[in-house]
């Protein structure tokens, strides 16, 4: 039998007040990716998923949705967070969001 958090709806919410995108499983926050707002860009600094939600791709999901929202808002990104850097390595179509003059800083 599946546990409640295996069948619960998974949603990503932008918590602008805490400058992060959160991933929720039902009514429980499974994790987040945090950013620092800068003029015309977001500097992503940390991604964290609770241990009990690990191994289910939630980090990549919250990062993807955060970067999609960032792009849709016309913002650029700086990937200081290692998980965001890993995501960019696997999804090169997002690299264009990093200002060209800053890409070498992140080995992009």
PDB file of N, CA and C in Angstrom:
ATOM      1  N   UNK A   1       0.832  -1.180   0.000  1.00  0.00           N
ATOM      2  CA  UNK A   1       0.000   0.000   0.000  1.00  0.00           C
ATOM      3  C   UNK A   1       0.882   1.251   0.000  1.00  0.00           C
ATOM      4  N   UNK A   2       0.544   2.237  -0.837  1.00  0.00           N
ATOM      5  CA  UNK A   2       1.325   3.468  -0.934  1.00  0.00           C
ATOM      6  C   UNK A   2       1.068   4.346   0.279  1.00  0.00           C
ATOM      7  N   UNK A   3       2.125   5.007   0.724  1.00  0.00           N
ATOM      8  CA  UNK A   3       1.943   5.946   1.832  1.00  0.00           C
ATOM      9  C   UNK A   3       1.337   7.236   1.302  1.00  0.00           C
ATOM     10  N   UNK A   4       0.803   8.042   2.206  1.00  0.00           N
ATOM     11  CA  UNK A   4       0.156   9.283   1.805  1.00  0.00           C
ATOM     12  C   UNK A   4       1.074  10.177   0.987  1.00  0.00           C
ATOM     13  N   UNK A   5       2.358  10.280   1.374  1.00  0.00           N
ATOM     14  CA  UNK A   5       3.225  11.194   0.642  1.00  0.00           C
ATOM     15  C   UNK A   5       3.696  10.622  -0.687  1.00  0.00           C
ATOM     16  N   UNK A   6       3.410   9.366  -0.986  1.00  0.00           N
ATOM     17  CA  UNK A   6       3.719   8.806  -2.300  1.00  0.00           C
ATOM     18  C   UNK A   6       2.591   9.060  -3.286  1.00  0.00           C
ATOM     19  N   UNK A   7       1.383   9.302  -2.793  1.00  0.00           N
ATOM     20  CA  UNK A   7       0.241   9.538  -3.670  1.00  0.00           C
ATOM     21  C   UNK A   7      -0.229  10.985  -3.634  1.00  0.00           C
ATOM     22  N   UNK A   8       0.317  11.791  -2.744  1.00  0.00           N
ATOM     23  CA  UNK A   8      -0.096  13.188  -2.606  1.00  0.00           C
ATOM     24  C   UNK A   8       0.353  14.004  -3.818  1.00  0.00           C
ATOM     25  N   UNK A   9      -0.383  15.060  -4.084  1.00  0.00           N
ATOM     26  CA  UNK A   9      -0.052  15.962  -5.179  1.00  0.00           C
ATOM     27  C   UNK A   9       1.255  16.694  -4.877  1.00  0.00           C
ATOM     28  N   UNK A  10       2.106  16.806  -5.894  1.00  0.00           N
ATOM     29  CA  UNK A  10       3.374  17.518  -5.772  1.00  0.00           C
ATOM     30  C   UNK A  10       3.223  18.867  -6.469  1.00  0.00           C
ATOM     31  N   UNK A  11       3.508  19.947  -5.741  1.00  0.00           N
ATOM     32  CA  UNK A  11       3.395  21.290  -6.309  1.00  0.00           C
ATOM     33  C   UNK A  11       4.634  22.106  -5.962  1.00  0.00           C
ATOM     34  N   UNK A  12       4.938  23.058  -6.832  1.00  0.00           N
ATOM     35  CA  UNK A  12       6.026  23.996  -6.580  1.00  0.00           C
ATOM     36  C   UNK A  12       5.406  25.377  -6.425  1.00  0.00           C
ATOM     37  N   UNK A  13       5.814  26.070  -5.360  1.00  0.00           N
ATOM     38  CA  UNK A  13       5.278  27.399  -5.059  1.00  0.00           C
ATOM     39  C   UNK A  13       6.436  28.386  -4.914  1.00  0.00           C
ATOM     40  N   UNK A  14       6.235  29.591  -5.442  1.00  0.00           N
ATOM     41  CA  UNK A  14       7.233  30.649  -5.268  1.00  0.00           C
ATOM     42  C   UNK A  14       6.918  31.388  -3.976  1.00  0.00           C
ATOM     43  N   UNK A  15       7.825  31.329  -3.038  1.00  0.00           N
ATOM     44  CA  UNK A  15       7.697  32.054  -1.777  1.00  0.00           C
ATOM     45  C   UNK A  15       8.619  33.271  -1.883  1.00  0.00           C
ATOM     46  N   UNK A  16       8.096  34.343  -2.484  1.00  0.00           N
ATOM     47  CA  UNK A  16       8.911  35.538  -2.730  1.00  0.00           C
ATOM     48  C   UNK A  16       9.394  36.174  -1.434  1.00  0.00           C
ATOM     49  N   UNK A  17       8.594  36.092  -0.388  1.00  0.00           N
ATOM     50  CA  UNK A  17       8.967  36.689   0.895  1.00  0.00           C
ATOM     51  C   UNK A  17      10.245  36.058   1.450  1.00  0.00           C
ATOM     52  N   UNK A  18      10.399  34.745   1.268  1.00  0.00           N
ATOM     53  CA  UNK A  18      11.600  34.048   1.746  1.00  0.00           C
ATOM     54  C   UNK A  18      12.597  33.795   0.620  1.00  0.00           C
ATOM     55  N   UNK A  19      12.370  34.391  -0.530  1.00  0.00           N
ATOM     56  CA  UNK A  19      13.225  34.291  -1.722  1.00  0.00           C
ATOM     57  C   UNK A  19      13.615  32.846  -2.035  1.00  0.00           C
ATOM     58  N   UNK A  20      12.586  32.031  -2.223  1.00  0.00           N
ATOM     59  CA  UNK A  20      12.831  30.638  -2.585  1.00  0.00           C
ATOM     60  C   UNK A  20      11.607  30.050  -3.276  1.00  0.00           C
ATOM     61  N   UNK A  21      11.877  28.985  -4.007  1.00  0.00           N
ATOM     62  CA  UNK A  21      10.824  28.171  -4.594  1.00  0.00           C
ATOM     63  C   UNK A  21      10.755  26.901  -3.763  1.00  0.00           C
ATOM     64  N   UNK A  22       9.556  26.545  -3.342  1.00  0.00           N
ATOM     65  CA  UNK A  22       9.358  25.396  -2.457  1.00  0.00           C
ATOM     66  C   UNK A  22       8.626  24.287  -3.197  1.00  0.00           C
ATOM     67  N   UNK A  23       8.998  23.054  -2.913  1.00  0.00           N
ATOM     68  CA  UNK A  23       8.282  21.906  -3.462  1.00  0.00           C
ATOM     69  C   UNK A  23       7.515  21.254  -2.319  1.00  0.00           C
ATOM     70  N   UNK A  24       6.237  21.076  -2.547  1.00  0.00           N
ATOM     71  CA  UNK A  24       5.326  20.543  -1.536  1.00  0.00           C
ATOM     72  C   UNK A  24       4.782  19.201  -1.989  1.00  0.00           C
ATOM     73  N   UNK A  25       4.697  18.272  -1.057  1.00  0.00           N
ATOM     74  CA  UNK A  25       4.050  16.977  -1.277  1.00  0.00           C
ATOM     75  C   UNK A  25       2.837  16.993  -0.362  1.00  0.00           C
ATOM     76  N   UNK A  26       1.672  17.168  -0.973  1.00  0.00           N
ATOM     77  CA  UNK A  26       0.470  17.362  -0.166  1.00  0.00           C
ATOM     78  C   UNK A  26       0.619  18.634   0.641  1.00  0.00           C
ATOM     79  N   UNK A  27       0.472  18.532   1.952  1.00  0.00           N
ATOM     80  CA  UNK A  27       0.581  19.717   2.807  1.00  0.00           C
ATOM     81  C   UNK A  27       1.926  19.807   3.531  1.00  0.00           C
ATOM     82  N   UNK A  28       2.924  19.067   3.036  1.00  0.00           N
ATOM     83  CA  UNK A  28       4.247  19.068   3.665  1.00  0.00           C
ATOM     84  C   UNK A  28       5.304  19.579   2.691  1.00  0.00           C
ATOM     85  N   UNK A  29       6.099  20.547   3.154  1.00  0.00           N
ATOM     86  CA  UNK A  29       7.171  21.049   2.301  1.00  0.00           C
ATOM     87  C   UNK A  29       8.299  20.020   2.252  1.00  0.00           C
ATOM     88  N   UNK A  30       8.604  19.554   1.045  1.00  0.00           N
ATOM     89  CA  UNK A  30       9.647  18.555   0.856  1.00  0.00           C
ATOM     90  C   UNK A  30      11.021  19.189   0.704  1.00  0.00           C
ATOM     91  N   UNK A  31      11.061  20.436   0.246  1.00  0.00           N
ATOM     92  CA  UNK A  31      12.340  21.103   0.058  1.00  0.00           C
ATOM     93  C   UNK A  31      12.174  22.429  -0.651  1.00  0.00           C
ATOM     94  N   UNK A  32      13.328  23.002  -1.042  1.00  0.00           N
ATOM     95  CA  UNK A  32      13.298  24.318  -1.674  1.00  0.00           C
ATOM     96  C   UNK A  32      14.598  24.580  -2.415  1.00  0.00           C
ATOM     97  N   UNK A  33      14.565  25.559  -3.308  1.00  0.00           N
ATOM     98  CA  UNK A  33      15.769  26.138  -3.884  1.00  0.00           C
ATOM     99  C   UNK A  33      15.704  27.629  -3.595  1.00  0.00           C
ATOM    100  N   UNK A  34      16.761  28.133  -3.001  1.00  0.00           N
ATOM    101  CA  UNK A  34      16.795  29.513  -2.508  1.00  0.00           C
ATOM    102  C   UNK A  34      17.628  30.393  -3.437  1.00  0.00           C
ATOM    103  N   UNK A  35      17.221  31.645  -3.575  1.00  0.00           N
ATOM    104  CA  UNK A  35      17.950  32.588  -4.416  1.00  0.00           C
ATOM    105  C   UNK A  35      18.116  33.930  -3.710  1.00  0.00           C
ATOM    106  N   UNK A  36      19.034  34.715  -4.236  1.00  0.00           N
ATOM    107  CA  UNK A  36      19.215  36.098  -3.799  1.00  0.00           C
ATOM    108  C   UNK A  36      18.820  36.981  -4.983  1.00  0.00           C
ATOM    109  N   UNK A  37      17.845  37.865  -4.790  1.00  0.00           N
ATOM    110  CA  UNK A  37      17.442  38.732  -5.896  1.00  0.00           C
ATOM    111  C   UNK A  37      18.507  39.792  -6.180  1.00  0.00           C
ATOM    112  N   UNK A  38      18.767  39.989  -7.441  1.00  0.00           N
ATOM    113  CA  UNK A  38      19.683  41.019  -7.920  1.00  0.00           C
ATOM    114  C   UNK A  38      18.957  41.751  -9.044  1.00  0.00           C
ATOM    115  N   UNK A  39      19.420  42.932  -9.422  1.00  0.00           N
ATOM    116  CA  UNK A  39      18.774  43.608 -10.550  1.00  0.00           C
ATOM    117  C   UNK A  39      18.782  42.716 -11.797  1.00  0.00           C
ATOM    118  N   UNK A  40      17.610  42.410 -12.289  1.00  0.00           N
ATOM    119  CA  UNK A  40      17.397  41.646 -13.521  1.00  0.00           C
ATOM    120  C   UNK A  40      17.870  40.196 -13.461  1.00  0.00           C
ATOM    121  N   UNK A  41      18.185  39.683 -12.274  1.00  0.00           N
ATOM    122  CA  UNK A  41      18.567  38.271 -12.194  1.00  0.00           C
ATOM    123  C   UNK A  41      18.340  37.725 -10.797  1.00  0.00           C
ATOM    124  N   UNK A  42      18.420  36.394 -10.724  1.00  0.00           N
ATOM    125  CA  UNK A  42      18.357  35.682  -9.443  1.00  0.00           C
ATOM    126  C   UNK A  42      19.634  34.858  -9.302  1.00  0.00           C
ATOM    127  N   UNK A  43      20.268  34.990  -8.159  1.00  0.00           N
ATOM    128  CA  UNK A  43      21.458  34.196  -7.861  1.00  0.00           C
ATOM    129  C   UNK A  43      21.010  33.021  -6.989  1.00  0.00           C
ATOM    130  N   UNK A  44      20.953  31.825  -7.583  1.00  0.00           N
ATOM    131  CA  UNK A  44      20.524  30.633  -6.842  1.00  0.00           C
ATOM    132  C   UNK A  44      21.690  30.147  -5.985  1.00  0.00           C
ATOM    133  N   UNK A  45      21.428  30.032  -4.673  1.00  0.00           N
ATOM    134  CA  UNK A  45      22.516  29.778  -3.724  1.00  0.00           C
ATOM    135  C   UNK A  45      22.424  28.452  -2.974  1.00  0.00           C
ATOM    136  N   UNK A  46      21.233  27.864  -2.891  1.00  0.00           N
ATOM    137  CA  UNK A  46      21.113  26.652  -2.076  1.00  0.00           C
ATOM    138  C   UNK A  46      19.846  25.892  -2.451  1.00  0.00           C
ATOM    139  N   UNK A  47      19.973  24.578  -2.542  1.00  0.00           N
ATOM    140  CA  UNK A  47      18.819  23.703  -2.750  1.00  0.00           C
ATOM    141  C   UNK A  47      18.870  22.632  -1.676  1.00  0.00           C
ATOM    142  N   UNK A  48      17.716  22.343  -1.100  1.00  0.00           N
ATOM    143  CA  UNK A  48      17.652  21.362  -0.013  1.00  0.00           C
ATOM    144  C   UNK A  48      16.358  20.564  -0.114  1.00  0.00           C
ATOM    145  N   UNK A  49      16.478  19.238  -0.004  1.00  0.00           N
ATOM    146  CA  UNK A  49      15.324  18.342   0.025  1.00  0.00           C
ATOM    147  C   UNK A  49      15.418  17.532   1.316  1.00  0.00           C
ATOM    148  N   UNK A  50      14.305  17.424   2.038  1.00  0.00           N
ATOM    149  CA  UNK A  50      14.295  16.615   3.262  1.00  0.00           C
ATOM    150  C   UNK A  50      14.692  15.178   2.923  1.00  0.00           C
ATOM    151  N   UNK A  51      15.435  14.548   3.813  1.00  0.00           N
ATOM    152  CA  UNK A  51      15.905  13.179   3.583  1.00  0.00           C
ATOM    153  C   UNK A  51      14.776  12.227   3.207  1.00  0.00           C
ATOM    154  N   UNK A  52      13.657  12.324   3.884  1.00  0.00           N
ATOM    155  CA  UNK A  52      12.575  11.366   3.619  1.00  0.00           C
ATOM    156  C   UNK A  52      11.964  11.533   2.230  1.00  0.00           C
ATOM    157  N   UNK A  53      12.271  12.639   1.544  1.00  0.00           N
ATOM    158  CA  UNK A  53      11.775  12.854   0.187  1.00  0.00           C
ATOM    159  C   UNK A  53      12.880  12.680  -0.852  1.00  0.00           C
ATOM    160  N   UNK A  54      14.062  12.269  -0.419  1.00  0.00           N
ATOM    161  CA  UNK A  54      15.195  12.118  -1.320  1.00  0.00           C
ATOM    162  C   UNK A  54      15.003  10.991  -2.326  1.00  0.00           C
ATOM    163  N   UNK A  55      15.746  11.090  -3.415  1.00  0.00           N
ATOM    164  CA  UNK A  55      15.752  10.037  -4.421  1.00  0.00           C
ATOM    165  C   UNK A  55      14.534   9.988  -5.321  1.00  0.00           C
ATOM    166  N   UNK A  56      13.719  11.019  -5.300  1.00  0.00           N
ATOM    167  CA  UNK A  56      12.512  11.022  -6.131  1.00  0.00           C
ATOM    168  C   UNK A  56      12.522  12.133  -7.186  1.00  0.00           C
ATOM    169  N   UNK A  57      13.674  12.773  -7.355  1.00  0.00           N
ATOM    170  CA  UNK A  57      13.793  13.803  -8.382  1.00  0.00           C
ATOM    171  C   UNK A  57      13.216  15.154  -8.000  1.00  0.00           C
ATOM    172  N   UNK A  58      12.909  15.344  -6.720  1.00  0.00           N
ATOM    173  CA  UNK A  58      12.294  16.602  -6.309  1.00  0.00           C
ATOM    174  C   UNK A  58      13.242  17.794  -6.452  1.00  0.00           C
ATOM    175  N   UNK A  59      14.535  17.594  -6.234  1.00  0.00           N
ATOM    176  CA  UNK A  59      15.481  18.706  -6.388  1.00  0.00           C
ATOM    177  C   UNK A  59      15.469  19.203  -7.826  1.00  0.00           C
ATOM    178  N   UNK A  60      15.542  18.285  -8.779  1.00  0.00           N
ATOM    179  CA  UNK A  60      15.539  18.691 -10.181  1.00  0.00           C
ATOM    180  C   UNK A  60      14.199  19.315 -10.567  1.00  0.00           C
ATOM    181  N   UNK A  61      13.107  18.821 -10.011  1.00  0.00           N
ATOM    182  CA  UNK A  61      11.787  19.374 -10.320  1.00  0.00           C
ATOM    183  C   UNK A  61      11.652  20.807  -9.808  1.00  0.00           C
ATOM    184  N   UNK A  62      12.042  21.050  -8.567  1.00  0.00           N
ATOM    185  CA  UNK A  62      11.907  22.404  -8.022  1.00  0.00           C
ATOM    186  C   UNK A  62      12.849  23.366  -8.749  1.00  0.00           C
ATOM    187  N   UNK A  63      14.037  22.897  -9.119  1.00  0.00           N
ATOM    188  CA  UNK A  63      14.967  23.746  -9.868  1.00  0.00           C
ATOM    189  C   UNK A  63      14.395  24.056 -11.244  1.00  0.00           C
ATOM    190  N   UNK A  64      13.895  23.049 -11.957  1.00  0.00           N
ATOM    191  CA  UNK A  64      13.325  23.274 -13.290  1.00  0.00           C
ATOM    192  C   UNK A  64      12.195  24.309 -13.222  1.00  0.00           C
ATOM    193  N   UNK A  65      11.291  24.139 -12.290  1.00  0.00           N
ATOM    194  CA  UNK A  65      10.164  25.066 -12.206  1.00  0.00           C
ATOM    195  C   UNK A  65      10.618  26.458 -11.776  1.00  0.00           C
ATOM    196  N   UNK A  66      11.623  26.540 -10.914  1.00  0.00           N
ATOM    197  CA  UNK A  66      12.161  27.843 -10.504  1.00  0.00           C
ATOM    198  C   UNK A  66      12.819  28.548 -11.684  1.00  0.00           C
ATOM    199  N   UNK A  67      13.581  27.798 -12.477  1.00  0.00           N
ATOM    200  CA  UNK A  67      14.241  28.414 -13.629  1.00  0.00           C
ATOM    201  C   UNK A  67      13.232  28.792 -14.702  1.00  0.00           C
ATOM    202  N   UNK A  68      12.198  27.967 -14.889  1.00  0.00           N
ATOM    203  CA  UNK A  68      11.145  28.328 -15.847  1.00  0.00           C
ATOM    204  C   UNK A  68      10.462  29.627 -15.428  1.00  0.00           C
ATOM    205  N   UNK A  69      10.137  29.760 -14.153  1.00  0.00           N
ATOM    206  CA  UNK A  69       9.499  30.988 -13.658  1.00  0.00           C
ATOM    207  C   UNK A  69      10.439  32.178 -13.816  1.00  0.00           C
ATOM    208  N   UNK A  70      11.710  31.963 -13.527  1.00  0.00           N
ATOM    209  CA  UNK A  70      12.705  33.026 -13.662  1.00  0.00           C
ATOM    210  C   UNK A  70      12.784  33.492 -15.109  1.00  0.00           C
ATOM    211  N   UNK A  71      12.833  32.542 -16.033  1.00  0.00           N
ATOM    212  CA  UNK A  71      12.886  32.881 -17.459  1.00  0.00           C
ATOM    213  C   UNK A  71      11.606  33.590 -17.890  1.00  0.00           C
ATOM    214  N   UNK A  72      10.453  33.089 -17.460  1.00  0.00           N
ATOM    215  CA  UNK A  72       9.172  33.696 -17.838  1.00  0.00           C
ATOM    216  C   UNK A  72       9.032  35.128 -17.332  1.00  0.00           C
ATOM    217  N   UNK A  73       9.732  35.449 -16.252  1.00  0.00           N
ATOM    218  CA  UNK A  73       9.709  36.806 -15.700  1.00  0.00           C
ATOM    219  C   UNK A  73      10.777  37.700 -16.329  1.00  0.00           C
ATOM    220  N   UNK A  74      11.504  37.171 -17.320  1.00  0.00           N
ATOM    221  CA  UNK A  74      12.527  37.951 -18.002  1.00  0.00           C
ATOM    222  C   UNK A  74      13.801  38.136 -17.195  1.00  0.00           C
ATOM    223  N   UNK A  75      13.991  37.297 -16.189  1.00  0.00           N
ATOM    224  CA  UNK A  75      15.173  37.373 -15.332  1.00  0.00           C
ATOM    225  C   UNK A  75      16.274  36.452 -15.859  1.00  0.00           C
ATOM    226  N   UNK A  76      17.502  36.743 -15.487  1.00  0.00           N
ATOM    227  CA  UNK A  76      18.652  35.884 -15.769  1.00  0.00           C
ATOM    228  C   UNK A  76      18.981  35.127 -14.481  1.00  0.00           C
ATOM    229  N   UNK A  77      20.006  34.263 -14.521  1.00  0.00           N
ATOM    230  CA  UNK A  77      20.363  33.526 -13.311  1.00  0.00           C
ATOM    231  C   UNK A  77      21.862  33.385 -13.148  1.00  0.00           C
ATOM    232  N   UNK A  78      22.260  33.274 -11.902  1.00  0.00           N
ATOM    233  CA  UNK A  78      23.632  32.931 -11.534  1.00  0.00           C
ATOM    234  C   UNK A  78      23.540  31.663 -10.692  1.00  0.00           C
ATOM    235  N   UNK A  79      24.148  30.562 -11.172  1.00  0.00           N
ATOM    236  CA  UNK A  79      24.008  29.262 -10.495  1.00  0.00           C
ATOM    237  C   UNK A  79      25.108  28.981  -9.471  1.00  0.00           C
ATOM    238  N   UNK A  80      25.073  29.642  -8.338  1.00  0.00           N
ATOM    239  CA  UNK A  80      26.057  29.367  -7.283  1.00  0.00           C
ATOM    240  C   UNK A  80      25.804  28.017  -6.613  1.00  0.00           C
ATOM    241  N   UNK A  81      24.566  27.577  -6.581  1.00  0.00           N
ATOM    242  CA  UNK A  81      24.193  26.308  -5.954  1.00  0.00           C
ATOM    243  C   UNK A  81      24.696  25.134  -6.799  1.00  0.00           C
ATOM    244  N   UNK A  82      25.417  24.178  -6.206  1.00  0.00           N
ATOM    245  CA  UNK A  82      25.899  23.013  -6.957  1.00  0.00           C
ATOM    246  C   UNK A  82      24.773  22.212  -7.622  1.00  0.00           C
ATOM    247  N   UNK A  83      23.616  22.117  -6.990  1.00  0.00           N
ATOM    248  CA  UNK A  83      22.504  21.377  -7.597  1.00  0.00           C
ATOM    249  C   UNK A  83      21.995  22.087  -8.847  1.00  0.00           C
ATOM    250  N   UNK A  84      21.982  23.409  -8.836  1.00  0.00           N
ATOM    251  CA  UNK A  84      21.564  24.168 -10.022  1.00  0.00           C
ATOM    252  C   UNK A  84      22.615  24.009 -11.117  1.00  0.00           C
ATOM    253  N   UNK A  85      23.888  23.999 -10.756  1.00  0.00           N
ATOM    254  CA  UNK A  85      24.946  23.765 -11.738  1.00  0.00           C
ATOM    255  C   UNK A  85      24.791  22.384 -12.375  1.00  0.00           C
ATOM    256  N   UNK A  86      24.490  21.381 -11.566  1.00  0.00           N
ATOM    257  CA  UNK A  86      24.273  20.020 -12.072  1.00  0.00           C
ATOM    258  C   UNK A  86      23.075  19.997 -13.024  1.00  0.00           C
ATOM    259  N   UNK A  87      22.007  20.699 -12.654  1.00  0.00           N
ATOM    260  CA  UNK A  87      20.832  20.775 -13.512  1.00  0.00           C
ATOM    261  C   UNK A  87      21.204  21.388 -14.861  1.00  0.00           C
ATOM    262  N   UNK A  88      21.975  22.480 -14.856  1.00  0.00           N
ATOM    263  CA  UNK A  88      22.374  23.129 -16.104  1.00  0.00           C
ATOM    264  C   UNK A  88      23.224  22.206 -16.967  1.00  0.00           C
ATOM    265  N   UNK A  89      24.088  21.404 -16.345  1.00  0.00           N
ATOM    266  CA  UNK A  89      24.919  20.463 -17.101  1.00  0.00           C
ATOM    267  C   UNK A  89      24.061  19.432 -17.827  1.00  0.00           C
ATOM    268  N   UNK A  90      22.945  19.048 -17.215  1.00  0.00           N
ATOM    269  CA  UNK A  90      22.050  18.054 -17.814  1.00  0.00           C
ATOM    270  C   UNK A  90      21.004  18.684 -18.730  1.00  0.00           C
ATOM    271  N   UNK A  91      20.827  19.989 -18.644  1.00  0.00           N
ATOM    272  CA  UNK A  91      19.790  20.696 -19.407  1.00  0.00           C
ATOM    273  C   UNK A  91      20.394  21.953 -20.027  1.00  0.00           C
ATOM    274  N   UNK A  92      21.247  21.785 -21.046  1.00  0.00           N
ATOM    275  CA  UNK A  92      21.999  22.921 -21.582  1.00  0.00           C
ATOM    276  C   UNK A  92      21.139  24.033 -22.191  1.00  0.00           C
ATOM    277  N   UNK A  93      19.870  23.756 -22.473  1.00  0.00           N
ATOM    278  CA  UNK A  93      19.013  24.809 -23.020  1.00  0.00           C
ATOM    279  C   UNK A  93      18.769  25.934 -22.014  1.00  0.00           C
ATOM    280  N   UNK A  94      19.063  25.706 -20.746  1.00  0.00           N
ATOM    281  CA  UNK A  94      18.903  26.741 -19.719  1.00  0.00           C
ATOM    282  C   UNK A  94      20.162  27.602 -19.554  1.00  0.00           C
ATOM    283  N   UNK A  95      21.288  27.170 -20.121  1.00  0.00           N
ATOM    284  CA  UNK A  95      22.554  27.888 -19.944  1.00  0.00           C
ATOM    285  C   UNK A  95      22.462  29.315 -20.481  1.00  0.00           C
ATOM    286  N   UNK A  96      21.661  29.533 -21.504  1.00  0.00           N
ATOM    287  CA  UNK A  96      21.518  30.878 -22.078  1.00  0.00           C
ATOM    288  C   UNK A  96      20.982  31.885 -21.062  1.00  0.00           C
ATOM    289  N   UNK A  97      20.394  31.402 -19.974  1.00  0.00           N
ATOM    290  CA  UNK A  97      19.892  32.303 -18.931  1.00  0.00           C
ATOM    291  C   UNK A  97      21.021  32.913 -18.100  1.00  0.00           C
ATOM    292  N   UNK A  98      22.186  32.298 -18.139  1.00  0.00           N
ATOM    293  CA  UNK A  98      23.346  32.818 -17.405  1.00  0.00           C
ATOM    294  C   UNK A  98      24.000  33.875 -18.292  1.00  0.00           C
ATOM    295  N   UNK A  99      24.218  35.085 -17.784  1.00  0.00           N
ATOM    296  CA  UNK A  99      24.862  36.102 -18.615  1.00  0.00           C
ATOM    297  C   UNK A  99      26.158  35.562 -19.219  1.00  0.00           C
ATOM    298  N   UNK A 100      26.321  35.795 -20.511  1.00  0.00           N
ATOM    299  CA  UNK A 100      27.460  35.224 -21.235  1.00  0.00           C
ATOM    300  C   UNK A 100      28.795  35.554 -20.570  1.00  0.00           C
ATOM    301  N   UNK A 101      28.936  36.774 -20.083  1.00  0.00           N
ATOM    302  CA  UNK A 101      30.203  37.187 -19.475  1.00  0.00           C
ATOM    303  C   UNK A 101      30.458  36.520 -18.123  1.00  0.00           C
ATOM    304  N   UNK A 102      29.471  35.821 -17.579  1.00  0.00           N
ATOM    305  CA  UNK A 102      29.620  35.140 -16.280  1.00  0.00           C
ATOM    306  C   UNK A 102      29.717  33.613 -16.413  1.00  0.00           C
ATOM    307  N   UNK A 103      29.516  33.074 -17.602  1.00  0.00           N
ATOM    308  CA  UNK A 103      29.447  31.608 -17.767  1.00  0.00           C
ATOM    309  C   UNK A 103      30.737  30.899 -17.379  1.00  0.00           C
ATOM    310  N   UNK A 104      31.884  31.457 -17.712  1.00  0.00           N
ATOM    311  CA  UNK A 104      33.160  30.806 -17.392  1.00  0.00           C
ATOM    312  C   UNK A 104      33.327  30.642 -15.881  1.00  0.00           C
ATOM    313  N   UNK A 105      32.786  31.569 -15.123  1.00  0.00           N
ATOM    314  CA  UNK A 105      32.839  31.518 -13.659  1.00  0.00           C
ATOM    315  C   UNK A 105      32.191  30.237 -13.114  1.00  0.00           C
ATOM    316  N   UNK A 106      31.241  29.690 -13.889  1.00  0.00           N
ATOM    317  CA  UNK A 106      30.505  28.491 -13.477  1.00  0.00           C
ATOM    318  C   UNK A 106      30.827  27.288 -14.372  1.00  0.00           C
ATOM    319  N   UNK A 107      31.923  27.380 -15.129  1.00  0.00           N
ATOM    320  CA  UNK A 107      32.342  26.310 -16.053  1.00  0.00           C
ATOM    321  C   UNK A 107      31.252  25.971 -17.059  1.00  0.00           C
ATOM    322  N   UNK A 108      30.591  26.978 -17.575  1.00  0.00           N
ATOM    323  CA  UNK A 108      29.529  26.763 -18.569  1.00  0.00           C
ATOM    324  C   UNK A 108      30.001  27.190 -19.948  1.00  0.00           C
TER     325      UNK A 108
END
